[in-house]
PDB file of N, CA and C in Angstrom:
ATOM      1  N   UNK A   1      59.212 121.636  28.171  1.00  0.00           N
ATOM      2  CA  UNK A   1      58.849 122.781  28.953  1.00  0.00           C
ATOM      3  C   UNK A   1      59.107 122.473  30.424  1.00  0.00           C
ATOM      4  N   UNK A   2      59.692 123.395  31.123  1.00  0.00           N
ATOM      5  CA  UNK A   2      59.978 123.212  32.540  1.00  0.00           C
ATOM      6  C   UNK A   2      58.781 123.635  33.374  1.00  0.00           C
ATOM      7  N   UNK A   3      58.640 123.015  34.531  1.00  0.00           N
ATOM      8  CA  UNK A   3      57.517 123.331  35.400  1.00  0.00           C
ATOM      9  C   UNK A   3      58.035 123.671  36.801  1.00  0.00           C
ATOM     10  N   UNK A   4      57.352 124.535  37.496  1.00  0.00           N
ATOM     11  CA  UNK A   4      57.689 124.867  38.879  1.00  0.00           C
ATOM     12  C   UNK A   4      56.628 124.296  39.806  1.00  0.00           C
ATOM     13  N   UNK A   5      56.754 124.582  41.089  1.00  0.00           N
ATOM     14  CA  UNK A   5      55.868 123.998  42.097  1.00  0.00           C
ATOM     15  C   UNK A   5      54.387 124.187  41.766  1.00  0.00           C
ATOM     16  N   UNK A   6      54.035 125.325  41.196  1.00  0.00           N
ATOM     17  CA  UNK A   6      52.632 125.583  40.869  1.00  0.00           C
ATOM     18  C   UNK A   6      52.197 124.843  39.609  1.00  0.00           C
ATOM     19  N   UNK A   7      53.110 124.151  38.955  1.00  0.00           N
ATOM     20  CA  UNK A   7      52.882 123.435  37.709  1.00  0.00           C
ATOM     21  C   UNK A   7      52.566 124.367  36.548  1.00  0.00           C
ATOM     22  N   UNK A   8      52.943 125.627  36.674  1.00  0.00           N
ATOM     23  CA  UNK A   8      52.761 126.580  35.586  1.00  0.00           C
ATOM     24  C   UNK A   8      54.019 126.612  34.726  1.00  0.00           C
ATOM     25  N   UNK A   9      53.894 126.722  33.412  1.00  0.00           N
ATOM     26  CA  UNK A   9      55.073 126.813  32.548  1.00  0.00           C
ATOM     27  C   UNK A   9      55.881 128.067  32.868  1.00  0.00           C
ATOM     28  N   UNK A  10      57.202 127.949  32.806  1.00  0.00           N
ATOM     29  CA  UNK A  10      58.081 129.083  33.068  1.00  0.00           C
ATOM     30  C   UNK A  10      59.148 129.145  31.989  1.00  0.00           C
ATOM     31  N   UNK A  11      59.891 130.247  31.962  1.00  0.00           N
ATOM     32  CA  UNK A  11      60.983 130.366  31.003  1.00  0.00           C
ATOM     33  C   UNK A  11      62.247 129.741  31.585  1.00  0.00           C
ATOM     34  N   UNK A  12      63.157 129.366  30.712  1.00  0.00           N
ATOM     35  CA  UNK A  12      64.432 128.792  31.155  1.00  0.00           C
ATOM     36  C   UNK A  12      65.230 129.818  31.967  1.00  0.00           C
ATOM     37  N   UNK A  13      65.064 131.097  31.677  1.00  0.00           N
ATOM     38  CA  UNK A  13      65.808 132.141  32.385  1.00  0.00           C
ATOM     39  C   UNK A  13      65.497 132.165  33.871  1.00  0.00           C
ATOM     40  N   UNK A  14      64.287 131.825  34.246  1.00  0.00           N
ATOM     41  CA  UNK A  14      63.917 131.904  35.661  1.00  0.00           C
ATOM     42  C   UNK A  14      64.527 130.791  36.503  1.00  0.00           C
ATOM     43  N   UNK A  15      64.985 129.703  35.886  1.00  0.00           N
ATOM     44  CA  UNK A  15      65.575 128.620  36.676  1.00  0.00           C
ATOM     45  C   UNK A  15      67.039 128.360  36.327  1.00  0.00           C
ATOM     46  N   UNK A  16      67.605 129.128  35.415  1.00  0.00           N
ATOM     47  CA  UNK A  16      69.016 128.952  35.055  1.00  0.00           C
ATOM     48  C   UNK A  16      69.887 129.733  36.032  1.00  0.00           C
ATOM     49  N   UNK A  17      70.771 129.033  36.721  1.00  0.00           N
ATOM     50  CA  UNK A  17      71.650 129.660  37.707  1.00  0.00           C
ATOM     51  C   UNK A  17      72.980 130.101  37.098  1.00  0.00           C
ATOM     52  N   UNK A  18      73.519 129.280  36.206  1.00  0.00           N
ATOM     53  CA  UNK A  18      74.854 129.560  35.673  1.00  0.00           C
ATOM     54  C   UNK A  18      75.051 128.841  34.351  1.00  0.00           C
ATOM     55  N   UNK A  19      75.876 129.431  33.479  1.00  0.00           N
ATOM     56  CA  UNK A  19      76.215 128.833  32.192  1.00  0.00           C
ATOM     57  C   UNK A  19      77.719 128.849  31.998  1.00  0.00           C
ATOM     58  N   UNK A  20      78.237 127.874  31.286  1.00  0.00           N
ATOM     59  CA  UNK A  20      79.577 127.930  30.730  1.00  0.00           C
ATOM     60  C   UNK A  20      79.389 128.051  29.232  1.00  0.00           C
ATOM     61  N   UNK A  21      79.940 129.122  28.651  1.00  0.00           N
ATOM     62  CA  UNK A  21      79.737 129.424  27.239  1.00  0.00           C
ATOM     63  C   UNK A  21      81.083 129.441  26.531  1.00  0.00           C
ATOM     64  N   UNK A  22      81.200 128.672  25.436  1.00  0.00           N
ATOM     65  CA  UNK A  22      82.400 128.711  24.609  1.00  0.00           C
ATOM     66  C   UNK A  22      82.177 129.759  23.524  1.00  0.00           C
ATOM     67  N   UNK A  23      83.035 130.788  23.524  1.00  0.00           N
ATOM     68  CA  UNK A  23      82.916 131.836  22.519  1.00  0.00           C
ATOM     69  C   UNK A  23      83.753 131.472  21.292  1.00  0.00           C
ATOM     70  N   UNK A  24      83.730 132.315  20.272  1.00  0.00           N
ATOM     71  CA  UNK A  24      84.297 131.972  18.963  1.00  0.00           C
ATOM     72  C   UNK A  24      85.784 131.633  18.983  1.00  0.00           C
ATOM     73  N   UNK A  25      86.558 132.168  19.924  1.00  0.00           N
ATOM     74  CA  UNK A  25      87.992 131.850  19.963  1.00  0.00           C
ATOM     75  C   UNK A  25      88.299 130.583  20.761  1.00  0.00           C
ATOM     76  N   UNK A  26      87.264 129.888  21.253  1.00  0.00           N
ATOM     77  CA  UNK A  26      87.450 128.651  22.002  1.00  0.00           C
ATOM     78  C   UNK A  26      87.506 128.827  23.507  1.00  0.00           C
ATOM     79  N   UNK A  27      87.523 130.060  23.973  1.00  0.00           N
ATOM     80  CA  UNK A  27      87.539 130.340  25.406  1.00  0.00           C
ATOM     81  C   UNK A  27      86.190 129.978  26.021  1.00  0.00           C
ATOM     82  N   UNK A  28      86.233 129.306  27.175  1.00  0.00           N
ATOM     83  CA  UNK A  28      85.003 128.992  27.900  1.00  0.00           C
ATOM     84  C   UNK A  28      84.870 129.981  29.049  1.00  0.00           C
ATOM     85  N   UNK A  29      83.738 130.670  29.084  1.00  0.00           N
ATOM     86  CA  UNK A  29      83.486 131.707  30.084  1.00  0.00           C
ATOM     87  C   UNK A  29      82.324 131.273  30.976  1.00  0.00           C
ATOM     88  N   UNK A  30      82.555 131.324  32.291  1.00  0.00           N
ATOM     89  CA  UNK A  30      81.491 131.050  33.266  1.00  0.00           C
ATOM     90  C   UNK A  30      80.711 132.342  33.456  1.00  0.00           C
ATOM     91  N   UNK A  31      79.393 132.268  33.356  1.00  0.00           N
ATOM     92  CA  UNK A  31      78.588 133.475  33.529  1.00  0.00           C
ATOM     93  C   UNK A  31      77.314 133.154  34.304  1.00  0.00           C
ATOM     94  N   UNK A  32      76.846 134.168  35.037  1.00  0.00           N
ATOM     95  CA  UNK A  32      75.598 134.055  35.797  1.00  0.00           C
ATOM     96  C   UNK A  32      75.029 135.456  35.985  1.00  0.00           C
ATOM     97  N   UNK A  33      74.111 135.633  36.898  1.00  0.00           N
ATOM     98  CA  UNK A  33      73.488 136.946  37.089  1.00  0.00           C
ATOM     99  C   UNK A  33      74.449 137.991  37.659  1.00  0.00           C
ATOM    100  N   UNK A  34      75.536 137.564  38.306  1.00  0.00           N
ATOM    101  CA  UNK A  34      76.496 138.505  38.879  1.00  0.00           C
ATOM    102  C   UNK A  34      77.815 138.563  38.115  1.00  0.00           C
ATOM    103  N   UNK A  35      78.302 137.431  37.649  1.00  0.00           N
ATOM    104  CA  UNK A  35      79.594 137.342  36.959  1.00  0.00           C
ATOM    105  C   UNK A  35      79.340 137.251  35.459  1.00  0.00           C
ATOM    106  N   UNK A  36      79.941 138.161  34.693  1.00  0.00           N
ATOM    107  CA  UNK A  36      79.732 138.184  33.237  1.00  0.00           C
ATOM    108  C   UNK A  36      78.237 138.187  32.910  1.00  0.00           C
ATOM    109  N   UNK A  37      77.507 139.053  33.619  1.00  0.00           N
ATOM    110  CA  UNK A  37      76.046 139.034  33.492  1.00  0.00           C
ATOM    111  C   UNK A  37      75.540 139.451  32.114  1.00  0.00           C
ATOM    112  N   UNK A  38      76.268 140.289  31.394  1.00  0.00           N
ATOM    113  CA  UNK A  38      75.822 140.652  30.041  1.00  0.00           C
ATOM    114  C   UNK A  38      75.854 139.438  29.120  1.00  0.00           C
ATOM    115  N   UNK A  39      76.904 138.622  29.232  1.00  0.00           N
ATOM    116  CA  UNK A  39      76.981 137.399  28.434  1.00  0.00           C
ATOM    117  C   UNK A  39      75.881 136.425  28.849  1.00  0.00           C
ATOM    118  N   UNK A  40      75.628 136.317  30.142  1.00  0.00           N
ATOM    119  CA  UNK A  40      74.575 135.434  30.648  1.00  0.00           C
ATOM    120  C   UNK A  40      73.231 135.775  30.012  1.00  0.00           C
ATOM    121  N   UNK A  41      72.814 137.043  30.106  1.00  0.00           N
ATOM    122  CA  UNK A  41      71.500 137.429  29.593  1.00  0.00           C
ATOM    123  C   UNK A  41      71.454 137.388  28.069  1.00  0.00           C
ATOM    124  N   UNK A  42      72.546 137.729  27.412  1.00  0.00           N
ATOM    125  CA  UNK A  42      72.579 137.650  25.947  1.00  0.00           C
ATOM    126  C   UNK A  42      72.473 136.203  25.485  1.00  0.00           C
ATOM    127  N   UNK A  43      73.091 135.287  26.221  1.00  0.00           N
ATOM    128  CA  UNK A  43      73.038 133.867  25.860  1.00  0.00           C
ATOM    129  C   UNK A  43      71.658 133.288  26.137  1.00  0.00           C
ATOM    130  N   UNK A  44      71.063 133.631  27.263  1.00  0.00           N
ATOM    131  CA  UNK A  44      69.716 133.147  27.595  1.00  0.00           C
ATOM    132  C   UNK A  44      68.718 133.565  26.515  1.00  0.00           C
ATOM    133  N   UNK A  45      68.828 134.790  26.052  1.00  0.00           N
ATOM    134  CA  UNK A  45      67.868 135.288  25.074  1.00  0.00           C
ATOM    135  C   UNK A  45      68.345 135.279  23.639  1.00  0.00           C
ATOM    136  N   UNK A  46      69.580 134.805  23.401  1.00  0.00           N
ATOM    137  CA  UNK A  46      70.185 134.972  22.088  1.00  0.00           C
ATOM    138  C   UNK A  46      70.070 133.825  21.120  1.00  0.00           C
ATOM    139  N   UNK A  47      69.398 132.740  21.503  1.00  0.00           N
ATOM    140  CA  UNK A  47      69.201 131.607  20.598  1.00  0.00           C
ATOM    141  C   UNK A  47      70.509 131.082  20.016  1.00  0.00           C
ATOM    142  N   UNK A  48      71.570 131.065  20.818  1.00  0.00           N
ATOM    143  CA  UNK A  48      72.836 130.491  20.374  1.00  0.00           C
ATOM    144  C   UNK A  48      73.754 131.445  19.638  1.00  0.00           C
ATOM    145  N   UNK A  49      73.426 132.707  19.582  1.00  0.00           N
ATOM    146  CA  UNK A  49      74.232 133.654  18.824  1.00  0.00           C
ATOM    147  C   UNK A  49      75.509 134.082  19.545  1.00  0.00           C
ATOM    148  N   UNK A  50      75.610 133.872  20.852  1.00  0.00           N
ATOM    149  CA  UNK A  50      76.786 134.323  21.599  1.00  0.00           C
ATOM    150  C   UNK A  50      77.874 133.266  21.693  1.00  0.00           C
ATOM    151  N   UNK A  51      77.538 132.016  21.489  1.00  0.00           N
ATOM    152  CA  UNK A  51      78.502 130.931  21.600  1.00  0.00           C
ATOM    153  C   UNK A  51      77.790 129.631  21.899  1.00  0.00           C
ATOM    154  N   UNK A  52      78.575 128.636  22.245  1.00  0.00           N
ATOM    155  CA  UNK A  52      78.062 127.298  22.525  1.00  0.00           C
ATOM    156  C   UNK A  52      77.954 127.111  24.036  1.00  0.00           C
ATOM    157  N   UNK A  53      76.785 126.754  24.527  1.00  0.00           N
ATOM    158  CA  UNK A  53      76.621 126.469  25.956  1.00  0.00           C
ATOM    159  C   UNK A  53      77.183 125.077  26.203  1.00  0.00           C
ATOM    160  N   UNK A  54      78.283 125.003  26.976  1.00  0.00           N
ATOM    161  CA  UNK A  54      78.909 123.707  27.254  1.00  0.00           C
ATOM    162  C   UNK A  54      78.354 123.060  28.510  1.00  0.00           C
ATOM    163  N   UNK A  55      77.817 123.867  29.431  1.00  0.00           N
ATOM    164  CA  UNK A  55      77.137 123.323  30.605  1.00  0.00           C
ATOM    165  C   UNK A  55      76.229 124.389  31.190  1.00  0.00           C
ATOM    166  N   UNK A  56      75.221 123.926  31.914  1.00  0.00           N
ATOM    167  CA  UNK A  56      74.267 124.831  32.550  1.00  0.00           C
ATOM    168  C   UNK A  56      73.895 124.267  33.912  1.00  0.00           C
ATOM    169  N   UNK A  57      73.775 125.147  34.885  1.00  0.00           N
ATOM    170  CA  UNK A  57      73.292 124.772  36.205  1.00  0.00           C
ATOM    171  C   UNK A  57      71.867 125.290  36.320  1.00  0.00           C
ATOM    172  N   UNK A  58      70.926 124.358  36.527  1.00  0.00           N
ATOM    173  CA  UNK A  58      69.513 124.716  36.612  1.00  0.00           C
ATOM    174  C   UNK A  58      68.972 124.427  38.001  1.00  0.00           C
ATOM    175  N   UNK A  59      68.068 125.262  38.465  1.00  0.00           N
ATOM    176  CA  UNK A  59      67.377 125.065  39.737  1.00  0.00           C
ATOM    177  C   UNK A  59      66.015 124.454  39.399  1.00  0.00           C
ATOM    178  N   UNK A  60      65.846 123.189  39.733  1.00  0.00           N
ATOM    179  CA  UNK A  60      64.622 122.464  39.413  1.00  0.00           C
ATOM    180  C   UNK A  60      64.004 121.900  40.680  1.00  0.00           C
ATOM    181  N   UNK A  61      62.763 121.509  40.578  1.00  0.00           N
ATOM    182  CA  UNK A  61      62.079 120.903  41.712  1.00  0.00           C
ATOM    183  C   UNK A  61      61.348 119.663  41.223  1.00  0.00           C
ATOM    184  N   UNK A  62      61.528 118.573  41.941  1.00  0.00           N
ATOM    185  CA  UNK A  62      60.867 117.314  41.581  1.00  0.00           C
ATOM    186  C   UNK A  62      59.363 117.453  41.802  1.00  0.00           C
ATOM    187  N   UNK A  63      58.607 116.901  40.865  1.00  0.00           N
ATOM    188  CA  UNK A  63      57.164 116.838  41.051  1.00  0.00           C
ATOM    189  C   UNK A  63      56.791 115.390  41.330  1.00  0.00           C
ATOM    190  N   UNK A  64      55.721 115.177  42.061  1.00  0.00           N
ATOM    191  CA  UNK A  64      55.384 113.841  42.532  1.00  0.00           C
ATOM    192  C   UNK A  64      54.682 112.979  41.495  1.00  0.00           C
ATOM    193  N   UNK A  65      53.961 113.572  40.582  1.00  0.00           N
ATOM    194  CA  UNK A  65      53.209 112.785  39.604  1.00  0.00           C
ATOM    195  C   UNK A  65      53.492 113.306  38.202  1.00  0.00           C
ATOM    196  N   UNK A  66      53.416 112.441  37.212  1.00  0.00           N
ATOM    197  CA  UNK A  66      53.616 112.919  35.839  1.00  0.00           C
ATOM    198  C   UNK A  66      52.504 113.890  35.452  1.00  0.00           C
ATOM    199  N   UNK A  67      52.859 114.851  34.605  1.00  0.00           N
ATOM    200  CA  UNK A  67      51.875 115.829  34.167  1.00  0.00           C
ATOM    201  C   UNK A  67      50.997 115.289  33.055  1.00  0.00           C
ATOM    202  N   UNK A  68      51.552 114.416  32.237  1.00  0.00           N
ATOM    203  CA  UNK A  68      50.820 113.880  31.089  1.00  0.00           C
ATOM    204  C   UNK A  68      51.235 112.446  30.858  1.00  0.00           C
ATOM    205  N   UNK A  69      50.355 111.694  30.252  1.00  0.00           N
ATOM    206  CA  UNK A  69      50.686 110.343  29.817  1.00  0.00           C
ATOM    207  C   UNK A  69      50.616 110.339  28.300  1.00  0.00           C
ATOM    208  N   UNK A  70      51.564 109.657  27.680  1.00  0.00           N
ATOM    209  CA  UNK A  70      51.649 109.637  26.232  1.00  0.00           C
ATOM    210  C   UNK A  70      51.513 108.220  25.723  1.00  0.00           C
ATOM    211  N   UNK A  71      50.810 108.070  24.624  1.00  0.00           N
ATOM    212  CA  UNK A  71      50.691 106.785  23.959  1.00  0.00           C
ATOM    213  C   UNK A  71      51.656 106.800  22.782  1.00  0.00           C
ATOM    214  N   UNK A  72      52.509 105.790  22.717  1.00  0.00           N
ATOM    215  CA  UNK A  72      53.500 105.717  21.657  1.00  0.00           C
ATOM    216  C   UNK A  72      52.903 105.014  20.450  1.00  0.00           C
ATOM    217  N   UNK A  73      53.233 105.497  19.271  1.00  0.00           N
ATOM    218  CA  UNK A  73      52.734 104.867  18.058  1.00  0.00           C
ATOM    219  C   UNK A  73      53.452 105.404  16.835  1.00  0.00           C
ATOM    220  N   UNK A  74      53.161 104.798  15.694  1.00  0.00           N
ATOM    221  CA  UNK A  74      53.750 105.210  14.423  1.00  0.00           C
ATOM    222  C   UNK A  74      52.614 105.541  13.475  1.00  0.00           C
ATOM    223  N   UNK A  75      52.752 106.644  12.784  1.00  0.00           N
ATOM    224  CA  UNK A  75      51.766 107.027  11.779  1.00  0.00           C
ATOM    225  C   UNK A  75      52.393 106.865  10.410  1.00  0.00           C
ATOM    226  N   UNK A  76      51.768 106.111   9.560  1.00  0.00           N
ATOM    227  CA  UNK A  76      52.245 105.924   8.189  1.00  0.00           C
ATOM    228  C   UNK A  76      51.763 107.088   7.327  1.00  0.00           C
ATOM    229  N   UNK A  77      52.642 107.552   6.466  1.00  0.00           N
ATOM    230  CA  UNK A  77      52.278 108.597   5.516  1.00  0.00           C
ATOM    231  C   UNK A  77      52.476 108.073   4.109  1.00  0.00           C
ATOM    232  N   UNK A  78      52.071 108.840   3.123  1.00  0.00           N
ATOM    233  CA  UNK A  78      52.127 108.380   1.734  1.00  0.00           C
ATOM    234  C   UNK A  78      53.549 108.124   1.246  1.00  0.00           C
ATOM    235  N   UNK A  79      54.561 108.771   1.836  1.00  0.00           N
ATOM    236  CA  UNK A  79      55.931 108.538   1.364  1.00  0.00           C
ATOM    237  C   UNK A  79      56.614 107.370   2.069  1.00  0.00           C
ATOM    238  N   UNK A  80      55.944 106.718   3.004  1.00  0.00           N
ATOM    239  CA  UNK A  80      56.460 105.491   3.618  1.00  0.00           C
ATOM    240  C   UNK A  80      55.823 104.291   2.923  1.00  0.00           C
ATOM    241  N   UNK A  81      56.625 103.277   2.649  1.00  0.00           N
ATOM    242  CA  UNK A  81      56.042 102.088   2.004  1.00  0.00           C
ATOM    243  C   UNK A  81      56.016 100.921   2.952  1.00  0.00           C
TER     244      UNK A  81
END
């Protein structure tokens, strides 16, 4: 999950500046809010149905401290011996 300055969760659409999308014929199309904007919004909300995202430009902001600390471990289940 991405975070902004307020440390509130946001959607990927709010920080995505531009995408390069490979469509079914192999063509790579650059799209953003102004150029090929229908493809941009369809790809952001389409769960991969419009093509393959080959690159994305995101607007992010560094935060000074980690939001969470995680303890690493392994849990054994009945199908592990």
